[in-house]
Protein backbone atom coordinates (compact mmCIF):
# COMPACT_ATOMS: atom_id res chain seq x y z
CA UNK A 1 0.00 0.00 0.00
CA UNK A 2 1.55 3.43 -0.99
CA UNK A 3 0.74 5.05 2.37
CA UNK A 4 2.94 2.51 4.13
CA UNK A 5 5.95 3.87 2.26
CA UNK A 6 5.27 7.48 3.34
CA UNK A 7 6.50 9.21 6.47
CA UNK A 8 4.31 9.39 9.56
CA UNK A 9 3.65 13.10 8.91
CA UNK A 10 2.51 12.65 5.29
CA UNK A 11 -1.13 11.52 5.93
CA UNK A 12 -1.75 14.53 8.18
CA UNK A 13 -0.17 16.84 5.61
CA UNK A 14 -2.41 15.42 2.86
CA UNK A 15 -5.55 15.93 4.94
CA UNK A 16 -4.51 19.51 5.84
CA UNK A 17 -3.80 20.35 2.20
CA UNK A 18 -7.14 18.96 0.99
CA UNK A 19 -9.14 20.77 3.73
CA UNK A 20 -7.42 24.11 3.24
CA UNK A 21 -7.63 23.82 -0.57
CA UNK A 22 -11.40 23.39 -0.31
CA UNK A 23 -11.55 26.61 1.72
CA UNK A 24 -9.34 28.85 -0.37
CA UNK A 25 -9.66 27.91 -4.04
CA UNK A 26 -13.06 29.53 -4.64
CA UNK A 27 -12.58 32.74 -2.57
CA UNK A 28 -8.99 33.16 -3.81
CA UNK A 29 -9.61 32.09 -7.39
CA UNK A 30 -7.66 35.12 -8.65
CA UNK A 31 -4.59 33.58 -6.98
CA UNK A 32 -5.06 30.25 -8.73
CA UNK A 33 -1.66 30.26 -10.45
CA UNK A 34 0.20 30.78 -7.17
CA UNK A 35 -1.99 28.21 -5.43
CA UNK A 36 -1.36 25.68 -8.19
CA UNK A 37 2.38 26.25 -7.92
CA UNK A 38 2.22 25.53 -4.18
CA UNK A 39 0.13 22.42 -4.87
CA UNK A 40 2.64 21.15 -7.42
CA UNK A 41 5.46 21.82 -4.93
CA UNK A 42 3.59 19.73 -2.32
CA UNK A 43 3.12 16.86 -4.78
CA UNK A 44 6.83 16.90 -5.66
CA UNK A 45 7.74 16.74 -1.96
CA UNK A 46 5.19 13.97 -1.46
CA UNK A 47 6.75 12.07 -4.35
CA UNK A 48 10.18 12.49 -2.73
CA UNK A 49 8.76 11.14 0.54
CA UNK A 50 7.30 8.15 -1.29
CA UNK A 51 10.55 7.56 -3.16
CA UNK A 52 12.47 7.51 0.11
CA UNK A 53 10.16 4.77 1.37
CA UNK A 54 10.36 2.74 -1.80
CA UNK A 55 14.17 2.91 -1.95
CA UNK A 56 14.65 2.03 1.71
CA UNK A 57 17.12 -0.87 1.87
CA UNK A 58 18.50 -0.14 -1.58
CA UNK A 59 20.43 3.05 -0.74
CA UNK A 60 22.56 4.13 2.17
CA UNK A 61 20.46 5.02 5.26
CA UNK A 62 21.97 8.52 5.43
CA UNK A 63 20.83 9.33 1.88
CA UNK A 64 17.34 7.94 2.53
CA UNK A 65 17.10 9.94 5.78
CA UNK A 66 18.24 13.13 4.06
CA UNK A 67 15.70 12.71 1.21
CA UNK A 68 12.85 12.02 3.62
CA UNK A 69 13.68 14.97 5.89
CA UNK A 70 13.85 17.37 2.97
CA UNK A 71 10.57 16.01 1.58
CA UNK A 72 8.77 16.29 4.92
CA UNK A 73 10.16 19.78 5.41
CA UNK A 74 8.82 20.83 1.96
CA UNK A 75 5.43 19.26 2.71
CA UNK A 76 5.26 21.30 5.90
CA UNK A 77 6.06 24.54 4.06
CA UNK A 78 3.23 23.94 1.58
CA UNK A 79 0.79 23.08 4.37
CA UNK A 80 1.73 26.21 6.36
CA UNK A 81 1.16 28.42 3.31
CA UNK A 82 -2.28 26.92 2.56
CA UNK A 83 -3.30 27.09 6.21
CA UNK A 84 -2.10 30.71 6.43
CA UNK A 85 -4.15 31.71 3.38
CA UNK A 86 -7.21 29.89 4.72
CA UNK A 87 -6.95 31.54 8.13
CA UNK A 88 -5.91 35.12 7.26
CA UNK A 89 -7.61 35.55 3.89
CA UNK A 90 -10.80 33.48 4.25
CA UNK A 91 -11.78 32.65 7.82
CA UNK A 92 -10.92 35.95 9.51
CA UNK A 93 -12.66 38.13 6.85
CA UNK A 94 -15.80 36.01 7.27
CA UNK A 95 -15.97 37.10 10.92
CA UNK A 96 -15.04 40.67 9.88
CA UNK A 97 -11.55 40.59 11.34
CA UNK A 98 -8.94 42.13 9.05
CA UNK A 99 -5.16 42.33 9.44
CA UNK A 100 -2.56 43.83 7.14
CA UNK A 101 -1.07 41.68 4.41
CA UNK A 102 2.48 42.29 5.60
CA UNK A 103 1.61 41.16 9.14
CA UNK A 104 0.01 37.99 7.77
CA UNK A 105 3.13 37.33 5.71
CA UNK A 106 5.34 37.80 8.77
CA UNK A 107 3.24 35.36 10.82
CA UNK A 108 3.44 32.79 8.02
CA UNK A 109 7.23 33.28 7.87
CA UNK A 110 7.40 32.74 11.62
CA UNK A 111 5.52 29.49 11.00
CA UNK A 112 8.11 28.50 8.39
CA UNK A 113 10.96 29.23 10.84
CA UNK A 114 9.26 27.33 13.68
CA UNK A 115 8.75 24.33 11.38
CA UNK A 116 12.41 24.48 10.36
CA UNK A 117 13.59 24.51 13.99
CA UNK A 118 11.25 21.63 14.79
CA UNK A 119 12.64 19.48 11.99
CA UNK A 120 16.21 20.39 12.93
CA UNK A 121 15.50 19.44 16.53
CA UNK A 122 14.05 16.09 15.45
CA UNK A 123 17.18 15.56 13.31
CA UNK A 124 19.39 15.99 16.40
CA UNK A 125 20.92 19.40 15.58
CA UNK A 126 22.54 21.19 18.59
CA UNK A 127 20.81 24.59 18.90
CA UNK A 128 23.37 26.27 21.18
CA UNK A 129 25.97 26.32 18.40
CA UNK A 130 23.32 27.25 15.85
CA UNK A 131 22.08 30.23 17.88
CA UNK A 132 25.61 31.52 18.50
CA UNK A 133 26.39 31.37 14.79
CA UNK A 134 23.02 32.83 13.79
CA UNK A 135 23.42 35.76 16.24
CA UNK A 136 26.67 36.83 14.60
CA UNK A 137 25.16 36.33 11.17
CA UNK A 138 22.07 38.33 12.12
CA UNK A 139 24.19 41.26 13.33
CA UNK A 140 26.16 41.29 10.07
CA UNK A 141 22.97 41.13 7.99
CA UNK A 142 21.27 43.87 10.05
CA UNK A 143 24.20 46.28 9.56
CA UNK A 144 24.47 45.62 5.84
CA UNK A 145 20.71 45.82 5.24
CA UNK A 146 19.69 48.83 7.31
CA UNK A 147 17.75 50.49 4.49
CA UNK A 148 16.02 47.27 3.50
CA UNK A 149 15.02 46.53 7.09
CA UNK A 150 13.84 50.13 7.51
CA UNK A 151 11.61 49.77 4.46
CA UNK A 152 10.29 46.44 5.69
CA UNK A 153 9.48 47.73 9.17
CA UNK A 154 8.04 50.92 7.68
CA UNK A 155 5.68 48.96 5.44
CA UNK A 156 4.64 46.83 8.40
CA UNK A 157 3.99 49.90 10.55
CA UNK A 158 1.95 51.60 7.80
CA UNK A 159 -0.38 48.64 7.53
CA UNK A 160 -0.59 47.85 11.23
CA UNK A 161 -1.63 51.36 12.33
CA UNK A 162 -3.87 51.89 9.24
CA UNK A 163 -2.38 55.34 8.71
CA UNK A 164 -2.20 54.60 5.00
CA UNK A 165 -4.24 52.19 2.90
CA UNK A 166 -4.53 51.24 -0.72
CA UNK A 167 -6.98 53.64 -2.35
CA UNK A 168 -6.06 56.67 -0.20
CA UNK A 169 -5.06 59.90 -1.93
CA UNK A 170 -1.88 61.36 -0.45
CA UNK A 171 0.39 64.31 -1.05
CA UNK A 172 4.08 64.31 -0.21
CA UNK A 173 6.10 67.30 -1.30
CA UNK A 174 5.22 68.07 -4.90
CA UNK A 175 3.92 64.54 -5.57
CA UNK A 176 0.28 63.60 -5.06
CA UNK A 177 -1.73 60.60 -6.18
CA UNK A 178 -3.69 57.51 -5.18
CA UNK A 179 -1.96 54.69 -3.26
CA UNK A 180 -1.98 51.66 -5.56
CA UNK A 181 0.23 49.23 -3.66
CA UNK A 182 2.01 48.79 -0.31
CA UNK A 183 4.85 46.28 -0.47
CA UNK A 184 7.61 45.24 1.90
CA UNK A 185 10.08 47.69 0.41
CA UNK A 186 8.01 50.51 -1.07
CA UNK A 187 4.63 52.19 -1.43
CA UNK A 188 3.46 52.97 -4.97
CA UNK A 189 1.14 55.85 -5.88
CA UNK A 190 -0.41 56.67 -9.24
CA UNK A 191 -0.47 60.39 -10.00
CA UNK A 192 -3.17 62.23 -11.93
CA UNK A 193 -0.85 62.11 -14.95
CA UNK A 194 -0.85 58.31 -14.82
CA UNK A 195 2.71 58.10 -13.53
CA UNK A 196 3.52 55.35 -11.02
CA UNK A 197 5.75 56.83 -8.32
CA UNK A 198 7.59 54.43 -5.98
CA UNK A 199 8.34 55.81 -2.50
CA UNK A 200 10.50 53.78 -0.05
CA UNK A 201 8.56 52.93 3.11
CA UNK A 202 11.35 54.28 5.32
CA UNK A 203 11.00 57.64 3.52
CA UNK A 204 7.29 57.73 4.34
CA UNK A 205 7.98 56.97 7.99
CA UNK A 206 10.65 59.69 8.32
CA UNK A 207 8.80 62.48 6.49
CA UNK A 208 5.42 64.13 6.65
CA UNK A 209 2.72 63.32 4.12
CA UNK A 210 -0.90 64.44 3.89
CA UNK A 211 -3.84 62.08 3.32
CA UNK A 212 -5.97 64.38 1.19
CA UNK A 213 -8.75 61.85 0.66
CA UNK A 214 -9.42 58.91 2.97
CA UNK A 215 -11.09 55.89 1.38
CA UNK A 216 -12.58 54.89 4.75
CA UNK A 217 -14.99 57.82 4.53
CA UNK A 218 -18.52 56.99 3.38
CA UNK A 219 -17.94 59.32 0.42
CA UNK A 220 -14.23 60.11 -0.11
CA UNK A 221 -13.94 63.86 -0.64
CA UNK A 222 -11.40 66.63 -1.07
CA UNK A 223 -12.04 70.34 -0.52
CA UNK A 224 -11.20 72.71 -3.36
CA UNK A 225 -10.81 76.51 -3.39
CA UNK A 226 -11.64 78.84 -6.27
CA UNK A 227 -10.85 82.56 -5.96
CA UNK A 228 -12.46 85.38 -7.92
CA UNK A 229 -12.64 89.18 -7.63
CA UNK A 230 -15.73 91.38 -7.76
CA UNK A 231 -16.06 95.17 -7.69
CA UNK A 232 -16.39 96.67 -4.21
CA UNK A 233 -19.70 98.35 -5.14
CA UNK A 234 -21.49 94.97 -5.34
CA UNK A 235 -23.01 93.86 -1.98
CA UNK A 236 -21.34 90.69 -0.67
CA UNK A 237 -24.70 89.08 0.09
CA UNK A 238 -25.68 89.41 -3.56
CA UNK A 239 -22.46 87.78 -4.76
CA UNK A 240 -22.61 84.90 -2.26
CA UNK A 241 -26.30 84.21 -2.88
CA UNK A 242 -25.89 84.12 -6.67
CA UNK A 243 -22.86 81.80 -6.59
CA UNK A 244 -24.11 79.40 -3.90
CA UNK A 245 -27.58 79.11 -5.43
CA UNK A 246 -26.09 78.17 -8.79
CA UNK A 247 -23.62 75.62 -7.38
CA UNK A 248 -26.31 73.96 -5.24
CA UNK A 249 -28.94 73.75 -7.98
CA UNK A 250 -26.74 73.01 -11.02
CA UNK A 251 -25.85 69.42 -11.88
CA UNK A 252 -22.07 69.64 -11.90
CA UNK A 253 -20.33 66.26 -12.17
CA UNK A 254 -18.02 65.32 -9.29
CA UNK A 255 -19.22 68.18 -7.02
CA UNK A 256 -20.53 67.09 -3.63
CA UNK A 257 -23.27 69.11 -1.93
CA UNK A 258 -22.40 67.60 1.45
CA UNK A 259 -20.68 69.41 3.13
CA UNK A 260 -22.41 72.42 1.64
CA UNK A 261 -20.35 74.77 -0.57
CA UNK A 262 -19.41 78.16 0.88
CA UNK A 263 -18.74 81.52 -0.74
CA UNK A 264 -16.63 83.69 1.59
CA UNK A 265 -15.41 87.28 1.40
CA UNK A 266 -11.69 86.88 2.03
CA UNK A 267 -10.07 90.30 1.62
CA UNK A 268 -10.22 93.74 0.02
CA UNK A 269 -7.89 94.71 -2.82
CA UNK A 270 -7.30 97.77 -4.99
CA UNK A 271 -10.82 98.39 -6.19
CA UNK A 272 -12.08 94.85 -5.71
CA UNK A 273 -13.18 92.33 -3.10
CA UNK A 274 -11.68 88.84 -3.27
CA UNK A 275 -14.08 85.93 -2.76
CA UNK A 276 -13.30 82.24 -2.29
CA UNK A 277 -15.69 79.46 -3.25
CA UNK A 278 -15.13 76.33 -1.19
CA UNK A 279 -16.61 73.09 -2.46
CA UNK A 280 -15.90 69.38 -2.13
CA UNK A 281 -14.80 66.89 -4.78
CA UNK A 282 -16.28 63.41 -4.76
CA UNK A 283 -13.35 61.93 -6.71
CA UNK A 284 -10.00 63.75 -6.32
CA UNK A 285 -8.79 62.44 -9.68
CA UNK A 286 -10.30 64.93 -12.17
CA UNK A 287 -9.65 67.96 -9.97
CA UNK A 288 -8.68 70.45 -12.69
CA UNK A 289 -11.59 69.38 -14.89
CA UNK A 290 -14.07 69.89 -12.06
CA UNK A 291 -12.51 73.25 -11.14
CA UNK A 292 -12.99 74.35 -14.74
CA UNK A 293 -16.67 73.31 -14.70
CA UNK A 294 -17.25 75.16 -11.43
CA UNK A 295 -15.58 78.32 -12.77
CA UNK A 296 -17.90 78.21 -15.79
CA UNK A 297 -20.91 78.13 -13.47
CA UNK A 298 -19.55 80.91 -11.24
CA UNK A 299 -18.96 83.18 -14.23
CA UNK A 300 -22.40 82.47 -15.69
CA UNK A 301 -24.14 83.07 -12.33
CA UNK A 302 -22.40 86.43 -11.87
CA UNK A 303 -23.18 87.49 -15.44
CA UNK A 304 -26.87 86.68 -14.99
CA UNK A 305 -26.89 89.06 -12.02
CA UNK A 306 -25.10 91.76 -14.01
CA UNK A 307 -21.95 91.35 -11.93
CA UNK A 308 -18.62 91.48 -13.73
CA UNK A 309 -15.35 90.08 -12.44
CA UNK A 310 -13.12 92.91 -11.23
CA UNK A 311 -9.59 93.81 -12.22
CA UNK A 312 -7.08 96.04 -10.48
CA UNK A 313 -7.41 99.80 -10.57
CA UNK A 314 -4.21 100.07 -12.58
CA UNK A 315 -6.01 98.74 -15.67
CA UNK A 316 -9.24 100.69 -15.21
CA UNK A 317 -7.57 103.94 -16.24
CA UNK A 318 -6.18 102.39 -19.38
CA UNK A 319 -9.44 100.99 -20.75
CA UNK A 320 -12.56 103.11 -21.32
CA UNK A 321 -15.61 101.29 -20.03
CA UNK A 322 -18.32 100.72 -22.59
CA UNK A 323 -21.02 103.40 -22.30
CA UNK A 324 -23.75 101.02 -23.41
CA UNK A 325 -22.79 98.61 -20.65
CA UNK A 326 -22.87 101.37 -18.01
CA UNK A 327 -26.31 102.43 -19.19
CA UNK A 328 -27.49 98.84 -19.10
CA UNK A 329 -26.26 98.46 -15.52
CA UNK A 330 -27.97 101.71 -14.47
CA UNK A 331 -31.23 100.67 -16.12
CA UNK A 332 -31.14 97.25 -14.47
CA UNK A 333 -30.50 98.80 -11.06
CA UNK A 334 -33.29 101.37 -11.57
CA UNK A 335 -35.75 98.63 -12.48
CA UNK A 336 -34.68 96.71 -9.41
CA UNK A 337 -35.39 99.72 -7.22
CA UNK A 338 -38.75 100.41 -8.86
CA UNK A 339 -39.68 96.78 -8.33
CA UNK A 340 -38.88 97.09 -4.63
CA UNK A 341 -40.90 100.33 -4.33
CA UNK A 342 -43.94 99.01 -6.21
CA UNK A 343 -44.40 96.17 -3.68
CA UNK A 344 -44.74 98.59 -0.77
CA UNK A 345 -48.27 99.75 0.06
CA UNK A 346 -46.90 103.04 1.43
CA UNK A 347 -45.87 104.06 -2.11
CA UNK A 348 -48.57 102.21 -4.07
CA UNK A 349 -50.43 105.49 -4.79
CA UNK A 350 -47.45 106.92 -6.66
CA UNK A 351 -47.51 106.97 -10.44
CA UNK A 352 -44.91 105.09 -12.45
CA UNK A 353 -42.99 108.30 -13.14
CA UNK A 354 -43.06 109.25 -9.47
CA UNK A 355 -41.85 105.78 -8.50
CA UNK A 356 -38.94 106.09 -10.93
CA UNK A 357 -38.11 109.54 -9.56
CA UNK A 358 -38.17 108.15 -6.04
CA UNK A 359 -36.04 105.16 -7.12
CA UNK A 360 -33.33 107.51 -8.39
CA UNK A 361 -33.18 109.14 -4.97
CA UNK A 362 -32.64 105.88 -3.08
CA UNK A 363 -29.23 105.17 -1.55
CA UNK A 364 -27.82 101.66 -1.49
CA UNK A 365 -27.51 100.46 2.13
CA UNK A 366 -26.46 96.79 2.52
CA UNK A 367 -26.25 95.12 5.93
CA UNK A 368 -24.48 91.93 6.96
CA UNK A 369 -26.14 89.35 9.19
CA UNK A 370 -26.24 90.69 12.76
CA UNK A 371 -25.97 94.37 11.79
CA UNK A 372 -28.28 96.85 13.55
CA UNK A 373 -30.27 99.00 11.10
CA UNK A 374 -31.25 101.42 13.89
CA UNK A 375 -31.86 101.41 17.65
CA UNK A 376 -34.87 102.16 19.77
CA UNK A 377 -34.91 105.85 20.75
CA UNK A 378 -32.68 107.02 17.84
CA UNK A 379 -33.68 110.10 15.84
CA UNK A 380 -35.19 109.03 12.51
CA UNK A 381 -33.33 110.41 9.50
CA UNK A 382 -34.40 107.82 6.95
CA UNK A 383 -36.39 104.65 6.32
CA UNK A 384 -35.15 101.38 4.81
CA UNK A 385 -36.66 99.49 1.87
CA UNK A 386 -35.68 95.79 1.95
CA UNK A 387 -34.85 94.30 -1.46
CA UNK A 388 -33.56 90.94 -0.16
CA UNK A 389 -32.98 89.30 3.21
CA UNK A 390 -34.87 89.59 6.50
CA UNK A 391 -34.73 91.76 9.62
CA UNK A 392 -36.41 91.65 13.02
CA UNK A 393 -37.84 94.47 15.14
CA UNK A 394 -37.30 94.18 18.93
CA UNK A 395 -39.01 96.34 21.54
CA UNK A 396 -37.53 97.03 24.97
CA UNK A 397 -40.04 97.96 27.73
CA UNK A 398 -39.46 101.29 29.51
CA UNK A 399 -38.85 99.44 32.78
CA UNK A 400 -35.81 97.70 31.25
CA UNK A 401 -37.41 94.27 31.00
CA UNK A 402 -36.35 91.64 28.45
CA UNK A 403 -36.65 92.50 24.77
CA UNK A 404 -39.69 91.25 22.89
CA UNK A 405 -39.89 90.39 19.20
CA UNK A 406 -42.36 92.73 17.51
CA UNK A 407 -42.13 91.88 13.84
CA UNK A 408 -40.08 90.15 11.13
CA UNK A 409 -40.01 91.63 7.64
CA UNK A 410 -38.46 90.54 4.35
CA UNK A 411 -38.29 91.70 0.72
CA UNK A 412 -40.95 94.26 -0.23
CA UNK A 413 -41.20 95.69 3.29
CA UNK A 414 -39.86 98.80 5.00
CA UNK A 415 -38.56 99.73 8.43
CA UNK A 416 -38.50 103.15 10.08
CA UNK A 417 -41.35 104.77 8.10
CA UNK A 418 -43.25 106.12 11.14
CA UNK A 419 -40.22 107.95 12.53
CA UNK A 420 -39.30 109.45 9.16
CA UNK A 421 -42.86 110.68 8.45
CA UNK A 422 -43.52 112.19 11.89
CA UNK A 423 -40.08 112.90 13.36
CA UNK A 424 -40.83 110.62 16.33
CA UNK A 425 -37.93 108.63 17.83
CA UNK A 426 -37.46 105.05 16.74
CA UNK A 427 -39.90 102.75 18.54
CA UNK A 428 -37.84 99.56 18.17
CA UNK A 429 -34.40 98.16 17.46
CA UNK A 430 -34.12 96.48 14.04
CA UNK A 431 -31.49 93.75 13.50
CA UNK A 432 -30.62 91.94 10.26
CA UNK A 433 -31.09 88.19 10.76
CA UNK A 434 -29.63 87.47 7.30
CA UNK A 435 -27.50 89.47 4.90
CA UNK A 436 -29.83 92.30 3.87
CA UNK A 437 -29.73 94.30 0.68
CA UNK A 438 -31.66 97.51 1.39
CA UNK A 439 -32.19 101.02 0.06
CA UNK A 440 -32.24 104.11 2.25
CA UNK A 441 -34.72 106.98 1.73
CA UNK A 442 -34.15 110.26 3.57
CA UNK A 443 -36.59 113.05 4.50
CA UNK A 444 -35.59 115.42 1.69
CA UNK A 445 -36.28 112.85 -1.00
CA UNK A 446 -39.68 111.99 0.46
CA UNK A 447 -40.50 115.67 0.96
CA UNK A 448 -39.89 116.24 -2.75
CA UNK A 449 -42.65 113.74 -3.59
CA UNK A 450 -45.12 115.03 -0.98
CA UNK A 451 -44.75 118.65 -2.09
CA UNK A 452 -45.63 117.62 -5.61
CA UNK A 453 -48.55 115.48 -4.37
CA UNK A 454 -49.79 116.86 -1.00
CA UNK A 455 -52.90 114.67 -1.13
CA UNK A 456 -50.68 111.60 -0.68
CA UNK A 457 -50.18 112.59 2.95
CA UNK A 458 -53.77 111.60 3.81
CA UNK A 459 -53.50 108.14 2.23
CA UNK A 460 -50.11 107.56 3.77
CA UNK A 461 -51.37 108.63 7.18
CA UNK A 462 -54.06 105.92 7.13
CA UNK A 463 -51.48 103.25 6.35
CA UNK A 464 -49.11 104.53 9.01
CA UNK A 465 -51.83 104.65 11.65
CA UNK A 466 -52.80 101.09 10.91
CA UNK A 467 -49.20 100.06 11.48
CA UNK A 468 -48.90 102.26 14.56
CA UNK A 469 -52.02 100.70 16.08
CA UNK A 470 -50.83 97.20 15.33
CA UNK A 471 -47.43 98.03 16.78
CA UNK A 472 -49.06 99.35 19.96
CA UNK A 473 -51.22 96.22 20.26
CA UNK A 474 -48.20 94.00 19.88
CA UNK A 475 -46.33 95.97 22.53
CA UNK A 476 -49.13 95.30 24.98
CA UNK A 477 -49.41 91.66 23.97
CA UNK A 478 -53.02 92.05 22.73
CA UNK A 479 -54.77 91.03 19.51
CA UNK A 480 -56.30 93.46 16.98
CA UNK A 481 -58.91 95.87 18.31
CA UNK A 482 -62.74 95.82 18.01
CA UNK A 483 -65.01 98.22 16.08
CA UNK A 484 -64.62 100.99 18.67
CA UNK A 485 -60.86 100.73 18.32
CA UNK A 486 -61.13 100.97 14.53
CA UNK A 487 -63.05 104.24 14.96
CA UNK A 488 -60.22 105.46 17.12
CA UNK A 489 -57.84 104.50 14.31
CA UNK A 490 -59.75 106.77 11.91
CA UNK A 491 -59.64 109.71 14.24
CA UNK A 492 -56.00 109.04 15.04
CA UNK A 493 -55.24 108.76 11.31
CA UNK A 494 -56.65 112.21 10.78
CA UNK A 495 -54.47 113.58 13.55
CA UNK A 496 -51.49 111.70 12.18
CA UNK A 497 -52.10 113.18 8.71
CA UNK A 498 -52.07 116.66 10.23
CA UNK A 499 -48.84 115.86 12.03
CA UNK A 500 -47.23 114.66 8.79
CA UNK A 501 -48.22 117.87 6.95
CA UNK A 502 -46.82 119.97 9.78
CA UNK A 503 -43.58 117.98 9.89
CA UNK A 504 -42.99 118.41 6.17
CA UNK A 505 -44.36 121.99 6.09
CA UNK A 506 -47.12 121.18 3.60
């Protein structure tokens, strides 16, 4: 029987090879060539073991013993490799336990060394002499292979602490790319130009590198910055709103909306304000292509709003601005102002020509979020017409109690009209809760309209009294009044109209 000619270890080796092969061949089918090579090596060693048994008695015992020991040693190496693959690459991943490839290789090598010492011990080798010789040899090898050992230990450290993994995007000096391979000696990255750059592991361990995109994130991302300049006369809220709205609503490939893009005012230059658009890439590979797409959208969004990119003052004096463009900008701004005025009931009685005349007298008055438009008790010199954004009115009781929210107004509303029309102090403090684009109207400009149309004072007085009554009711925490209170509103409106005429000298 053939098994009787084999060594005592051979049946166990055969069983281990068959069991591990059944585990690894399907999951590790991509490694089939390497696995087949190991299998062929095992069969060759098994044949050597069988040959030693068949030739026993025909050759010298020393030769038979040497052939059998070498065959058994080879069988053990093949078994250790199959068992290592089955344990580290199949069984552990099934229970969601993952270790680095280099660490698994080192553990398998330790298994090879342990098997070698075991066979040497069974062969009667004296280990004291072996260890003394190997210690000297190890010292010589360590000195002569410092760089190689540094690379090996560096690769092991990189995989054990998970500071760098295949698929990460890194930047080191002027080289950046995606990690494609981590070997014993080196780490390879593929740049955006398709170049494969090999970096020694010891170099990575000794120097600083940046992981610009971590593959362990749910969606690997990289933040990008795009700078552009806009004339100082354009309100920042208008620029930011136009750019962010376009980036968030447009379908731009490779642009992530989470985290949300930001448009920030970074600094002031010679005649311009510098803005930075921050957005996130989904795939860091086509970075320049995505930047180009985003710039196209930024430029288009600004042009739709009539906003041109700014250049330094030193070129403004050398180039005459197109008169047609300036007229177009003025017309667009005038229409914007008329549109804001026409939505306000206080000026709804004005004719179209009067609204345009009033629009020309408006002064641009933008406010950033958190700015105070005016404070309670201030002298009223003007009112504010809100074109975009929102503001809140807060009333402070005379006894110094906590402030109370009176009203919140947005586009198409005004603040400060009662004080401007009557000369009364401000009755509340108004704070911008968003960036607010507003227009300011002073007493002289309003007086010009009222002198041309004195009868408007009566209609305006009714509207103002309605707001004054509502304001008073809100201060007291009550609802709207009953019929008797409405009669009081009429009589008060008449008195208010008289006060307006006296204030403006009509």
